N, C-alpha and C. Protein backbone atom coordinates (compact mmCIF):
# COMPACT_ATOMS: atom_id res chain seq x y z
N MET A 1 100.47 130.21 100.50
CA MET A 1 101.31 129.06 100.68
C MET A 1 100.74 128.20 101.81
N VAL A 2 100.74 126.90 101.58
CA VAL A 2 100.26 125.95 102.58
C VAL A 2 101.43 125.05 102.96
N LEU A 3 101.70 124.94 104.24
CA LEU A 3 102.75 124.05 104.71
C LEU A 3 102.13 122.67 104.88
N TYR A 4 102.39 121.80 103.92
CA TYR A 4 101.67 120.54 103.82
C TYR A 4 101.88 119.60 105.01
N ILE A 5 102.97 119.73 105.75
CA ILE A 5 103.18 118.86 106.92
C ILE A 5 102.30 119.34 108.08
N LYS A 6 102.24 120.65 108.29
CA LYS A 6 101.40 121.20 109.37
C LYS A 6 99.93 121.20 109.01
N GLU A 7 99.63 121.45 107.73
CA GLU A 7 98.25 121.51 107.25
C GLU A 7 98.11 120.63 106.00
N PRO A 8 98.13 119.31 106.18
CA PRO A 8 98.04 118.45 105.00
C PRO A 8 96.71 118.61 104.28
N PRO A 9 96.75 118.49 102.96
CA PRO A 9 95.49 118.62 102.21
C PRO A 9 94.53 117.49 102.56
N ASP A 10 93.26 117.84 102.69
CA ASP A 10 92.25 116.82 102.95
C ASP A 10 91.81 116.20 101.63
N LYS A 11 90.90 115.26 101.71
CA LYS A 11 90.45 114.54 100.52
C LYS A 11 89.84 115.48 99.49
N GLU A 12 89.05 116.42 99.94
CA GLU A 12 88.41 117.37 99.03
C GLU A 12 89.46 118.21 98.28
N THR A 13 90.46 118.67 99.00
CA THR A 13 91.52 119.46 98.38
C THR A 13 92.32 118.63 97.38
N LEU A 14 92.65 117.40 97.76
CA LEU A 14 93.38 116.53 96.85
C LEU A 14 92.56 116.23 95.59
N ASN A 15 91.26 116.04 95.76
CA ASN A 15 90.39 115.82 94.59
C ASN A 15 90.43 117.02 93.65
N LYS A 16 90.38 118.22 94.22
CA LYS A 16 90.43 119.43 93.40
C LYS A 16 91.76 119.52 92.65
N ILE A 17 92.85 119.25 93.34
CA ILE A 17 94.17 119.29 92.71
C ILE A 17 94.24 118.28 91.58
N VAL A 18 93.81 117.05 91.85
CA VAL A 18 93.87 115.97 90.85
C VAL A 18 93.04 116.33 89.61
N LYS A 19 91.85 116.86 89.83
CA LYS A 19 90.97 117.21 88.69
C LYS A 19 91.56 118.31 87.82
N GLY A 20 92.29 119.24 88.42
CA GLY A 20 92.83 120.34 87.65
C GLY A 20 94.28 120.17 87.23
N LEU A 21 94.87 119.05 87.60
CA LEU A 21 96.30 118.85 87.37
C LEU A 21 96.63 118.73 85.88
N GLU A 22 97.58 119.53 85.45
CA GLU A 22 98.02 119.48 84.06
C GLU A 22 99.08 118.39 83.85
N ASP A 23 99.63 117.89 84.93
CA ASP A 23 100.65 116.85 84.88
C ASP A 23 100.00 115.48 85.06
N PRO A 24 100.71 114.41 84.72
CA PRO A 24 100.17 113.08 85.01
C PRO A 24 99.91 112.93 86.51
N VAL A 25 98.80 112.37 86.87
CA VAL A 25 98.40 112.28 88.28
C VAL A 25 99.44 111.54 89.13
N GLU A 26 100.09 110.55 88.55
CA GLU A 26 101.08 109.78 89.31
C GLU A 26 102.28 110.63 89.73
N ASP A 27 102.49 111.76 89.06
CA ASP A 27 103.60 112.63 89.41
C ASP A 27 103.40 113.35 90.74
N LEU A 28 102.18 113.32 91.27
CA LEU A 28 101.94 113.91 92.59
C LEU A 28 102.58 113.10 93.71
N VAL A 29 102.92 111.85 93.42
CA VAL A 29 103.50 110.97 94.44
C VAL A 29 105.01 110.93 94.26
N ARG A 30 105.72 111.30 95.31
CA ARG A 30 107.18 111.24 95.29
C ARG A 30 107.63 109.79 95.36
N LYS A 31 108.51 109.42 94.47
CA LYS A 31 109.05 108.05 94.46
C LYS A 31 110.42 108.08 95.13
N ASP A 32 110.45 108.43 96.39
CA ASP A 32 111.70 108.60 97.12
C ASP A 32 111.98 107.40 98.03
N SER A 33 112.89 107.57 98.97
CA SER A 33 113.26 106.47 99.86
C SER A 33 112.08 106.01 100.72
N LYS A 34 111.21 106.92 101.14
CA LYS A 34 110.03 106.52 101.92
C LYS A 34 109.11 105.65 101.07
N PHE A 35 108.93 106.04 99.83
CA PHE A 35 108.10 105.27 98.90
C PHE A 35 108.65 103.84 98.79
N LYS A 36 109.96 103.74 98.63
CA LYS A 36 110.61 102.42 98.53
C LYS A 36 110.51 101.65 99.83
N LYS A 37 110.69 102.34 100.95
CA LYS A 37 110.60 101.70 102.26
C LYS A 37 109.21 101.11 102.50
N LEU A 38 108.19 101.79 102.00
CA LEU A 38 106.82 101.30 102.13
C LEU A 38 106.52 100.18 101.13
N GLU A 39 107.50 99.89 100.27
CA GLU A 39 107.38 98.83 99.26
C GLU A 39 106.18 99.06 98.34
N LEU A 40 106.02 100.31 97.93
CA LEU A 40 104.93 100.66 97.03
C LEU A 40 105.36 100.43 95.58
N ASN A 41 104.39 100.17 94.74
CA ASN A 41 104.65 99.92 93.32
C ASN A 41 104.25 101.16 92.52
N PRO A 42 105.20 101.80 91.83
CA PRO A 42 104.87 103.01 91.08
C PRO A 42 103.74 102.80 90.06
N GLU A 43 103.63 101.63 89.52
CA GLU A 43 102.60 101.36 88.50
C GLU A 43 101.18 101.43 89.08
N ASP A 44 101.05 101.29 90.39
CA ASP A 44 99.73 101.36 91.03
C ASP A 44 99.13 102.76 90.98
N TYR A 45 99.94 103.76 90.61
CA TYR A 45 99.48 105.14 90.65
C TYR A 45 99.33 105.76 89.26
N ILE A 46 99.77 105.05 88.24
CA ILE A 46 99.69 105.57 86.88
C ILE A 46 98.23 105.68 86.46
N ASP A 47 97.84 106.90 86.12
CA ASP A 47 96.48 107.20 85.67
C ASP A 47 95.42 106.66 86.64
N ASN A 48 95.72 106.75 87.95
CA ASN A 48 94.82 106.23 88.97
C ASN A 48 94.64 107.27 90.09
N PRO A 49 93.78 108.26 89.86
CA PRO A 49 93.61 109.33 90.84
C PRO A 49 93.22 108.84 92.24
N GLN A 50 92.38 107.83 92.31
CA GLN A 50 91.94 107.34 93.62
C GLN A 50 93.11 106.80 94.43
N ASN A 51 93.98 106.01 93.81
CA ASN A 51 95.14 105.48 94.52
C ASN A 51 96.07 106.60 94.96
N VAL A 52 96.23 107.60 94.10
CA VAL A 52 97.09 108.74 94.43
C VAL A 52 96.54 109.46 95.66
N ILE A 53 95.25 109.73 95.65
CA ILE A 53 94.63 110.43 96.78
C ILE A 53 94.75 109.60 98.06
N GLU A 54 94.48 108.32 97.97
CA GLU A 54 94.55 107.46 99.16
C GLU A 54 95.95 107.43 99.77
N ILE A 55 96.98 107.29 98.93
CA ILE A 55 98.33 107.22 99.49
C ILE A 55 98.75 108.56 100.08
N LEU A 56 98.32 109.66 99.46
CA LEU A 56 98.70 110.97 99.99
C LEU A 56 97.96 111.29 101.28
N LEU A 57 96.77 110.76 101.46
CA LEU A 57 96.07 110.94 102.73
C LEU A 57 96.75 110.15 103.84
N LYS A 58 97.30 108.99 103.51
CA LYS A 58 97.98 108.15 104.51
C LYS A 58 99.40 108.61 104.78
N HIS A 59 100.08 109.11 103.74
CA HIS A 59 101.49 109.47 103.86
C HIS A 59 101.73 110.83 103.20
N LYS A 60 101.43 111.88 103.95
CA LYS A 60 101.52 113.24 103.41
C LYS A 60 102.93 113.59 102.93
N GLN A 61 103.95 112.93 103.46
CA GLN A 61 105.32 113.22 103.05
C GLN A 61 105.58 112.82 101.60
N LEU A 62 104.74 111.99 101.03
CA LEU A 62 104.92 111.55 99.65
C LEU A 62 104.37 112.55 98.63
N LEU A 63 103.76 113.63 99.09
CA LEU A 63 103.24 114.63 98.18
C LEU A 63 104.38 115.35 97.48
N GLN A 64 104.39 115.28 96.16
CA GLN A 64 105.38 116.01 95.38
C GLN A 64 105.12 117.50 95.57
N ARG A 65 106.16 118.27 95.64
CA ARG A 65 105.99 119.68 95.86
C ARG A 65 107.06 120.46 95.12
N PRO A 66 106.78 121.69 94.86
CA PRO A 66 105.56 122.41 95.21
C PRO A 66 104.43 122.11 94.23
N VAL A 67 103.22 122.16 94.73
CA VAL A 67 102.04 122.08 93.89
C VAL A 67 101.47 123.49 93.85
N ILE A 68 101.26 124.00 92.66
CA ILE A 68 100.77 125.35 92.48
C ILE A 68 99.34 125.26 91.94
N VAL A 69 98.42 125.93 92.63
CA VAL A 69 97.01 125.92 92.22
C VAL A 69 96.62 127.35 91.86
N LYS A 70 95.98 127.47 90.70
CA LYS A 70 95.48 128.77 90.24
C LYS A 70 94.10 128.52 89.67
N GLY A 71 93.09 129.01 90.37
CA GLY A 71 91.72 128.76 89.95
C GLY A 71 91.43 127.26 90.04
N ASN A 72 91.00 126.68 88.93
CA ASN A 72 90.72 125.24 88.90
C ASN A 72 91.87 124.44 88.31
N ASN A 73 93.00 125.09 88.05
CA ASN A 73 94.14 124.40 87.44
C ASN A 73 95.26 124.24 88.45
N ALA A 74 96.07 123.21 88.22
CA ALA A 74 97.19 122.94 89.12
C ALA A 74 98.36 122.35 88.33
N ILE A 75 99.55 122.62 88.81
CA ILE A 75 100.76 122.00 88.26
C ILE A 75 101.68 121.62 89.40
N ILE A 76 102.61 120.75 89.09
CA ILE A 76 103.72 120.49 89.98
C ILE A 76 104.81 121.46 89.56
N GLY A 77 105.31 122.24 90.47
CA GLY A 77 106.25 123.30 90.16
C GLY A 77 107.68 122.83 89.97
N ARG A 78 107.85 121.79 89.20
CA ARG A 78 109.19 121.27 88.88
C ARG A 78 109.26 121.04 87.39
N PRO A 79 110.26 121.52 86.76
CA PRO A 79 111.28 122.44 87.28
C PRO A 79 110.66 123.78 87.65
N LYS A 80 111.33 124.48 88.51
CA LYS A 80 110.77 125.72 89.06
C LYS A 80 110.44 126.77 88.00
N GLU A 81 111.04 126.68 86.83
CA GLU A 81 110.75 127.63 85.76
C GLU A 81 109.29 127.55 85.30
N ARG A 82 108.64 126.44 85.53
CA ARG A 82 107.23 126.28 85.14
C ARG A 82 106.32 127.21 85.93
N ILE A 83 106.71 127.56 87.13
CA ILE A 83 105.85 128.33 88.03
C ILE A 83 105.53 129.71 87.45
N ALA A 84 106.54 130.43 87.00
CA ALA A 84 106.34 131.79 86.47
C ALA A 84 105.37 131.77 85.29
N GLU A 85 105.54 130.83 84.40
CA GLU A 85 104.64 130.73 83.23
C GLU A 85 103.20 130.42 83.67
N PHE A 86 103.05 129.55 84.64
CA PHE A 86 101.73 129.13 85.10
C PHE A 86 100.97 130.26 85.79
N ILE A 87 101.65 131.06 86.59
CA ILE A 87 100.94 132.07 87.38
C ILE A 87 100.65 133.35 86.59
N ARG A 88 101.10 133.44 85.37
CA ARG A 88 100.82 134.63 84.55
C ARG A 88 99.39 134.69 84.15
């Protein structure tokens, strides 16, 4: 387990997650109140790994979680029922 606030993923780690992600890349970015406060446009992240990585490097709190990585594959663990199937 990695505590993303204390140990935020670096660019290399985010690249690995993005490359192996089974979910749409834009789902890595939380569209919460901080996202709205920053006046970000959700469409800027659709199918755009570079934009996703850049925003997550600048604003680690926007990382959707949990992100589960197994080998070269990754998923967003929501709903939580996905996690058990993925780690088998």
